Every structure is written in structure tokens, then in C-alpha cells.
Amino acid sequence: MISKPVRIAVATIGDKGLEDIISHDFGHSDTFTIVDVDDGRIRSVEVIQNPAASLSHGRGPVVAKSLANMRVNTVISGEIGPGASTMLNELGITK
């Protein structure tokens, strides 16, 4: 059975990619490790800076929209606040 390609964003604390630690807070994570999985295999890994790092409030929804623009299907993180959670749901991104 061939599985559908998936793009996963993992909220991380640094730039170590798959070897990094998952951030405890989605909107305040330092980086996101973007993992493309196709047919059950990792095809690519990219680390990006948090696109909302400079904001003092409302980071979660901004991050959610940025990840949706990058075609992310799934998010892995510690705590996801209510604003980000609502936005992820509206954008069809699983968590």
C-alpha cells in the first residue's frame, strides 16, 4: 500500500533537525523542523526559524498560517495555545 505524502512541522528548540528537542510551546519555539515523508520514508528535512519570533503576542496563529503556506499537513509540538489550535483546525492541519 502506497501512503500519501505528508509534510510535518515539528516545533523545535534549535537547528539539529531530526536530532533536536521538541519545543514545549508551539508559538514560542525557536525553530521548526520540516520533514517530508513519502511512502513511509523521510525524503527531506529542513530547519526554519520561527516566522513569528519577533512578535510579542499572537505568535501561534501567525505560525499556523505560515506553515499552511508551506503545505504542512501535521504539527508536532508541546503545548499549542487556543488561538493557534483554532487556526490549525481551520487550516486543516492535524496536531
N, C-alpha and C. Protein backbone atom coordinates (compact mmCIF):
# COMPACT_ATOMS: atom_id res chain seq x y z
N MET A 1 0.84 -1.18 0.00
CA MET A 1 0.00 0.00 0.00
C MET A 1 0.89 1.25 0.00
N ILE A 2 0.67 2.14 -0.92
CA ILE A 2 1.42 3.38 -1.01
C ILE A 2 0.71 4.44 -0.19
N SER A 3 1.47 5.09 0.68
CA SER A 3 0.87 6.12 1.52
C SER A 3 0.99 7.49 0.85
N LYS A 4 0.10 8.37 1.27
CA LYS A 4 0.07 9.75 0.76
C LYS A 4 1.24 10.54 1.34
N PRO A 5 1.89 11.39 0.54
CA PRO A 5 2.98 12.23 1.07
C PRO A 5 2.48 13.14 2.19
N VAL A 6 3.31 13.31 3.20
CA VAL A 6 2.95 14.13 4.35
C VAL A 6 4.09 15.10 4.63
N ARG A 7 3.74 16.31 4.97
CA ARG A 7 4.73 17.32 5.39
C ARG A 7 4.43 17.63 6.85
N ILE A 8 5.41 17.39 7.69
CA ILE A 8 5.26 17.53 9.14
C ILE A 8 6.14 18.69 9.61
N ALA A 9 5.59 19.53 10.47
CA ALA A 9 6.37 20.59 11.12
C ALA A 9 6.49 20.25 12.59
N VAL A 10 7.72 20.10 13.05
CA VAL A 10 7.98 19.80 14.45
C VAL A 10 8.53 21.07 15.10
N ALA A 11 7.85 21.56 16.13
CA ALA A 11 8.34 22.73 16.86
C ALA A 11 9.58 22.30 17.63
N THR A 12 10.71 22.95 17.36
CA THR A 12 11.97 22.54 17.95
C THR A 12 12.68 23.72 18.62
N ILE A 13 13.74 23.39 19.37
CA ILE A 13 14.43 24.45 20.12
C ILE A 13 15.74 24.88 19.48
N GLY A 14 16.17 24.22 18.43
CA GLY A 14 17.45 24.55 17.83
C GLY A 14 17.50 24.19 16.36
N ASP A 15 18.71 23.94 15.88
CA ASP A 15 18.90 23.68 14.45
C ASP A 15 19.45 22.29 14.16
N LYS A 16 19.16 21.33 15.02
CA LYS A 16 19.70 19.98 14.88
C LYS A 16 18.79 19.04 14.08
N GLY A 17 17.74 19.56 13.49
CA GLY A 17 16.85 18.75 12.66
C GLY A 17 16.23 17.59 13.41
N LEU A 18 16.39 16.39 12.89
CA LEU A 18 15.78 15.21 13.49
C LEU A 18 16.38 14.86 14.85
N GLU A 19 17.52 15.42 15.16
CA GLU A 19 18.18 15.16 16.44
C GLU A 19 17.83 16.20 17.50
N ASP A 20 16.98 17.15 17.16
CA ASP A 20 16.66 18.25 18.07
C ASP A 20 15.61 17.84 19.10
N ILE A 21 15.39 18.73 20.06
CA ILE A 21 14.40 18.53 21.12
C ILE A 21 13.12 19.26 20.73
N ILE A 22 11.98 18.61 20.97
CA ILE A 22 10.69 19.23 20.68
C ILE A 22 10.44 20.36 21.67
N SER A 23 10.03 21.50 21.15
CA SER A 23 9.73 22.66 21.97
C SER A 23 8.48 22.41 22.81
N HIS A 24 8.47 22.95 24.01
CA HIS A 24 7.29 22.80 24.88
C HIS A 24 6.19 23.78 24.52
N ASP A 25 6.45 24.75 23.65
CA ASP A 25 5.44 25.78 23.33
C ASP A 25 5.49 26.10 21.83
N PHE A 26 4.44 25.81 21.13
CA PHE A 26 4.34 25.98 19.68
C PHE A 26 4.73 27.37 19.21
N GLY A 27 4.06 28.39 19.70
CA GLY A 27 4.28 29.75 19.22
C GLY A 27 5.63 30.33 19.63
N HIS A 28 6.20 29.82 20.70
CA HIS A 28 7.47 30.35 21.21
C HIS A 28 8.66 29.47 20.85
N SER A 29 8.46 28.48 20.02
CA SER A 29 9.59 27.63 19.63
C SER A 29 10.59 28.48 18.84
N ASP A 30 11.85 28.12 18.94
CA ASP A 30 12.89 28.86 18.22
C ASP A 30 12.86 28.53 16.73
N THR A 31 12.63 27.26 16.43
CA THR A 31 12.68 26.77 15.05
C THR A 31 11.56 25.76 14.80
N PHE A 32 11.40 25.43 13.54
CA PHE A 32 10.52 24.33 13.13
C PHE A 32 11.32 23.43 12.20
N THR A 33 11.28 22.15 12.49
CA THR A 33 11.92 21.17 11.62
C THR A 33 10.83 20.63 10.70
N ILE A 34 10.99 20.89 9.42
CA ILE A 34 10.00 20.47 8.41
C ILE A 34 10.48 19.16 7.81
N VAL A 35 9.65 18.12 7.92
CA VAL A 35 10.01 16.79 7.47
C VAL A 35 9.02 16.34 6.40
N ASP A 36 9.52 15.99 5.23
CA ASP A 36 8.68 15.45 4.16
C ASP A 36 8.80 13.93 4.19
N VAL A 37 7.65 13.28 4.32
CA VAL A 37 7.59 11.82 4.35
C VAL A 37 6.75 11.36 3.18
N ASP A 38 7.29 10.42 2.42
CA ASP A 38 6.59 9.88 1.25
C ASP A 38 6.81 8.38 1.22
N ASP A 39 5.73 7.63 1.09
CA ASP A 39 5.78 6.17 1.05
C ASP A 39 6.50 5.62 2.29
N GLY A 40 6.25 6.26 3.44
CA GLY A 40 6.81 5.79 4.69
C GLY A 40 8.28 6.11 4.91
N ARG A 41 8.87 6.90 4.04
CA ARG A 41 10.29 7.24 4.15
C ARG A 41 10.49 8.74 4.23
N ILE A 42 11.46 9.15 5.01
CA ILE A 42 11.81 10.56 5.10
C ILE A 42 12.51 10.95 3.80
N ARG A 43 11.96 11.94 3.12
CA ARG A 43 12.52 12.39 1.84
C ARG A 43 13.36 13.66 1.99
N SER A 44 12.99 14.52 2.94
CA SER A 44 13.79 15.72 3.16
C SER A 44 13.53 16.26 4.56
N VAL A 45 14.52 17.00 5.06
CA VAL A 45 14.44 17.64 6.37
C VAL A 45 15.00 19.06 6.21
N GLU A 46 14.26 20.03 6.71
CA GLU A 46 14.69 21.43 6.64
C GLU A 46 14.37 22.09 7.97
N VAL A 47 15.27 22.90 8.47
CA VAL A 47 15.03 23.65 9.70
C VAL A 47 14.83 25.11 9.33
N ILE A 48 13.71 25.68 9.81
CA ILE A 48 13.43 27.09 9.57
C ILE A 48 13.31 27.82 10.91
N GLN A 49 13.60 29.09 10.90
CA GLN A 49 13.40 29.93 12.09
C GLN A 49 11.90 30.15 12.27
N ASN A 50 11.48 30.34 13.50
CA ASN A 50 10.09 30.64 13.79
C ASN A 50 9.72 31.94 13.07
N PRO A 51 8.75 31.90 12.14
CA PRO A 51 8.40 33.09 11.36
C PRO A 51 7.75 34.20 12.19
N ALA A 52 7.34 33.89 13.42
CA ALA A 52 6.69 34.89 14.26
C ALA A 52 7.53 35.22 15.49
N ALA A 53 8.80 34.89 15.46
CA ALA A 53 9.66 35.08 16.64
C ALA A 53 9.72 36.52 17.12
N SER A 54 9.58 37.48 16.24
CA SER A 54 9.70 38.88 16.63
C SER A 54 8.42 39.46 17.23
N LEU A 55 7.33 38.72 17.19
CA LEU A 55 6.06 39.22 17.72
C LEU A 55 5.98 39.01 19.23
N SER A 56 5.37 39.95 19.93
CA SER A 56 5.21 39.80 21.37
C SER A 56 3.91 39.06 21.71
N HIS A 57 2.90 39.17 20.87
CA HIS A 57 1.61 38.49 21.08
C HIS A 57 1.11 37.92 19.76
N GLY A 58 0.27 36.90 19.85
CA GLY A 58 -0.37 36.35 18.66
C GLY A 58 0.55 35.53 17.76
N ARG A 59 1.59 34.97 18.34
CA ARG A 59 2.54 34.20 17.53
C ARG A 59 1.91 32.95 16.92
N GLY A 60 1.14 32.21 17.71
CA GLY A 60 0.61 30.93 17.27
C GLY A 60 -0.16 30.97 15.95
N PRO A 61 -1.15 31.85 15.83
CA PRO A 61 -1.89 31.92 14.57
C PRO A 61 -1.01 32.33 13.38
N VAL A 62 -0.05 33.21 13.62
CA VAL A 62 0.86 33.62 12.53
C VAL A 62 1.70 32.42 12.08
N VAL A 63 2.21 31.66 13.04
CA VAL A 63 2.98 30.47 12.70
C VAL A 63 2.11 29.48 11.95
N ALA A 64 0.88 29.27 12.41
CA ALA A 64 -0.02 28.32 11.75
C ALA A 64 -0.24 28.71 10.29
N LYS A 65 -0.48 29.98 10.02
CA LYS A 65 -0.69 30.44 8.64
C LYS A 65 0.58 30.25 7.81
N SER A 66 1.73 30.54 8.39
CA SER A 66 2.99 30.36 7.66
C SER A 66 3.23 28.90 7.31
N LEU A 67 2.95 28.01 8.26
CA LEU A 67 3.13 26.58 8.00
C LEU A 67 2.14 26.08 6.94
N ALA A 68 0.93 26.60 6.97
CA ALA A 68 -0.05 26.23 5.94
C ALA A 68 0.43 26.67 4.57
N ASN A 69 1.04 27.86 4.48
CA ASN A 69 1.58 28.35 3.21
C ASN A 69 2.72 27.46 2.71
N MET A 70 3.36 26.74 3.64
CA MET A 70 4.43 25.81 3.27
C MET A 70 3.89 24.40 3.00
N ARG A 71 2.56 24.28 2.95
CA ARG A 71 1.89 23.00 2.68
C ARG A 71 2.09 21.94 3.77
N VAL A 72 2.23 22.38 5.03
CA VAL A 72 2.35 21.44 6.14
C VAL A 72 0.99 20.79 6.40
N ASN A 73 1.00 19.47 6.64
CA ASN A 73 -0.21 18.71 6.91
C ASN A 73 -0.41 18.44 8.40
N THR A 74 0.72 18.31 9.13
CA THR A 74 0.69 17.87 10.52
C THR A 74 1.70 18.68 11.34
N VAL A 75 1.34 18.98 12.59
CA VAL A 75 2.23 19.69 13.50
C VAL A 75 2.46 18.82 14.73
N ILE A 76 3.72 18.79 15.18
CA ILE A 76 4.08 18.12 16.43
C ILE A 76 4.71 19.17 17.33
N SER A 77 4.18 19.29 18.54
CA SER A 77 4.67 20.30 19.47
C SER A 77 4.25 19.93 20.87
N GLY A 78 4.83 20.64 21.82
CA GLY A 78 4.32 20.57 23.19
C GLY A 78 2.99 21.31 23.20
N GLU A 79 2.83 22.22 24.10
CA GLU A 79 1.57 22.95 24.23
C GLU A 79 1.29 23.82 23.00
N ILE A 80 0.03 23.76 22.56
CA ILE A 80 -0.44 24.61 21.47
C ILE A 80 -1.58 25.44 22.05
N GLY A 81 -1.42 26.75 22.04
CA GLY A 81 -2.42 27.64 22.62
C GLY A 81 -3.73 27.62 21.87
N PRO A 82 -4.78 28.20 22.46
CA PRO A 82 -6.11 28.16 21.85
C PRO A 82 -6.19 28.86 20.49
N GLY A 83 -5.51 30.00 20.35
CA GLY A 83 -5.54 30.71 19.06
C GLY A 83 -4.90 29.91 17.96
N ALA A 84 -3.74 29.33 18.25
CA ALA A 84 -3.04 28.51 17.26
C ALA A 84 -3.82 27.24 16.97
N SER A 85 -4.37 26.64 18.01
CA SER A 85 -5.13 25.40 17.82
C SER A 85 -6.34 25.62 16.91
N THR A 86 -7.05 26.71 17.15
CA THR A 86 -8.20 27.06 16.31
C THR A 86 -7.77 27.29 14.87
N MET A 87 -6.69 28.03 14.69
CA MET A 87 -6.20 28.33 13.34
C MET A 87 -5.76 27.05 12.63
N LEU A 88 -5.04 26.18 13.33
CA LEU A 88 -4.60 24.91 12.72
C LEU A 88 -5.81 24.09 12.29
N ASN A 89 -6.84 24.04 13.13
CA ASN A 89 -8.06 23.31 12.78
C ASN A 89 -8.71 23.90 11.54
N GLU A 90 -8.82 25.23 11.49
CA GLU A 90 -9.44 25.90 10.34
C GLU A 90 -8.66 25.66 9.06
N LEU A 91 -7.34 25.52 9.18
CA LEU A 91 -6.49 25.30 8.01
C LEU A 91 -6.36 23.83 7.63
N GLY A 92 -6.98 22.95 8.42
CA GLY A 92 -6.95 21.52 8.12
C GLY A 92 -5.64 20.84 8.47
N ILE A 93 -4.88 21.42 9.39
CA ILE A 93 -3.60 20.85 9.81
C ILE A 93 -3.84 20.06 11.08
N THR A 94 -3.45 18.78 11.08
CA THR A 94 -3.63 17.94 12.26
C THR A 94 -2.53 18.20 13.27
N LYS A 95 -2.84 17.93 14.52
CA LYS A 95 -1.86 18.12 15.59
C LYS A 95 -1.92 16.97 16.54
